[in-house]
Amino acid sequence: MNNPIGNGLQKSDKDVNA
């Protein structure tokens, strides 16, 4: 999931996919 806008609250894409 490479959505800087949607995942702006996340530290990084890796954390989201973790």
PDB file of N, CA and C in Angstrom:
ATOM      1  N   MET A   1       0.840  -1.204   0.000  1.00  0.00           N
ATOM      2  CA  MET A   1       0.000   0.000   0.000  1.00  0.00           C
ATOM      3  C   MET A   1       0.875   1.254   0.000  1.00  0.00           C
ATOM      4  N   ASN A   2       1.048   1.842  -1.171  1.00  0.00           N
ATOM      5  CA  ASN A   2       1.879   3.047  -1.257  1.00  0.00           C
ATOM      6  C   ASN A   2       0.999   4.282  -1.414  1.00  0.00           C
ATOM      7  N   ASN A   3       0.277   4.648  -0.359  1.00  0.00           N
ATOM      8  CA  ASN A   3      -0.586   5.833  -0.405  1.00  0.00           C
ATOM      9  C   ASN A   3      -0.172   6.824   0.677  1.00  0.00           C
ATOM     10  N   PRO A   4       0.769   7.724   0.372  1.00  0.00           N
ATOM     11  CA  PRO A   4       1.261   8.709   1.336  1.00  0.00           C
ATOM     12  C   PRO A   4       0.126   9.553   1.908  1.00  0.00           C
ATOM     13  N   ILE A   5      -0.926   9.757   1.110  1.00  0.00           N
ATOM     14  CA  ILE A   5      -2.057  10.567   1.576  1.00  0.00           C
ATOM     15  C   ILE A   5      -2.907   9.770   2.568  1.00  0.00           C
ATOM     16  N   GLY A   6      -3.274   8.561   2.173  1.00  0.00           N
ATOM     17  CA  GLY A   6      -4.121   7.725   3.022  1.00  0.00           C
ATOM     18  C   GLY A   6      -3.351   7.205   4.226  1.00  0.00           C
ATOM     19  N   ASN A   7      -2.056   6.921   4.016  1.00  0.00           N
ATOM     20  CA  ASN A   7      -1.234   6.372   5.097  1.00  0.00           C
ATOM     21  C   ASN A   7      -0.391   7.454   5.757  1.00  0.00           C
ATOM     22  N   GLY A   8      -0.840   8.683   5.666  1.00  0.00           N
ATOM     23  CA  GLY A   8      -0.078   9.799   6.232  1.00  0.00           C
ATOM     24  C   GLY A   8       0.113   9.631   7.731  1.00  0.00           C
ATOM     25  N   LEU A   9      -0.834   8.915   8.374  1.00  0.00           N
ATOM     26  CA  LEU A   9      -0.739   8.725   9.818  1.00  0.00           C
ATOM     27  C   LEU A   9       0.253   7.628  10.161  1.00  0.00           C
ATOM     28  N   GLN A  10       0.575   6.804   9.170  1.00  0.00           N
ATOM     29  CA  GLN A  10       1.505   5.695   9.410  1.00  0.00           C
ATOM     30  C   GLN A  10       2.939   6.178   9.314  1.00  0.00           C
ATOM     31  N   LYS A  11       3.854   5.486   9.997  1.00  0.00           N
ATOM     32  CA  LYS A  11       5.268   5.873   9.975  1.00  0.00           C
ATOM     33  C   LYS A  11       5.854   5.654   8.579  1.00  0.00           C
ATOM     34  N   SER A  12       5.499   4.537   7.963  1.00  0.00           N
ATOM     35  CA  SER A  12       6.022   4.240   6.629  1.00  0.00           C
ATOM     36  C   SER A  12       5.205   3.142   5.979  1.00  0.00           C
ATOM     37  N   ASP A  13       5.393   2.935   4.677  1.00  0.00           N
ATOM     38  CA  ASP A  13       4.644   1.899   3.958  1.00  0.00           C
ATOM     39  C   ASP A  13       4.950   0.522   4.537  1.00  0.00           C
ATOM     40  N   LYS A  14       6.192   0.324   4.983  1.00  0.00           N
ATOM     41  CA  LYS A  14       6.601  -0.985   5.512  1.00  0.00           C
ATOM     42  C   LYS A  14       5.778  -1.322   6.758  1.00  0.00           C
ATOM     43  N   ASP A  15       5.544  -0.323   7.596  1.00  0.00           N
ATOM     44  CA  ASP A  15       4.769  -0.556   8.816  1.00  0.00           C
ATOM     45  C   ASP A  15       3.334  -0.960   8.463  1.00  0.00           C
ATOM     46  N   VAL A  16       2.818  -0.373   7.395  1.00  0.00           N
ATOM     47  CA  VAL A  16       1.445  -0.666   6.985  1.00  0.00           C
ATOM     48  C   VAL A  16       1.341  -2.090   6.466  1.00  0.00           C
ATOM     49  N   ASN A  17       2.350  -2.515   5.715  1.00  0.00           N
ATOM     50  CA  ASN A  17       2.349  -3.861   5.133  1.00  0.00           C
ATOM     51  C   ASN A  17       2.823  -4.900   6.135  1.00  0.00           C
ATOM     52  N   ALA A  18       3.357  -4.459   7.253  1.00  0.00           N
ATOM     53  CA  ALA A  18       3.893  -5.393   8.238  1.00  0.00           C
ATOM     54  C   ALA A  18       2.776  -6.269   8.779  1.00  0.00           C
TER      55      ALA A  18
END
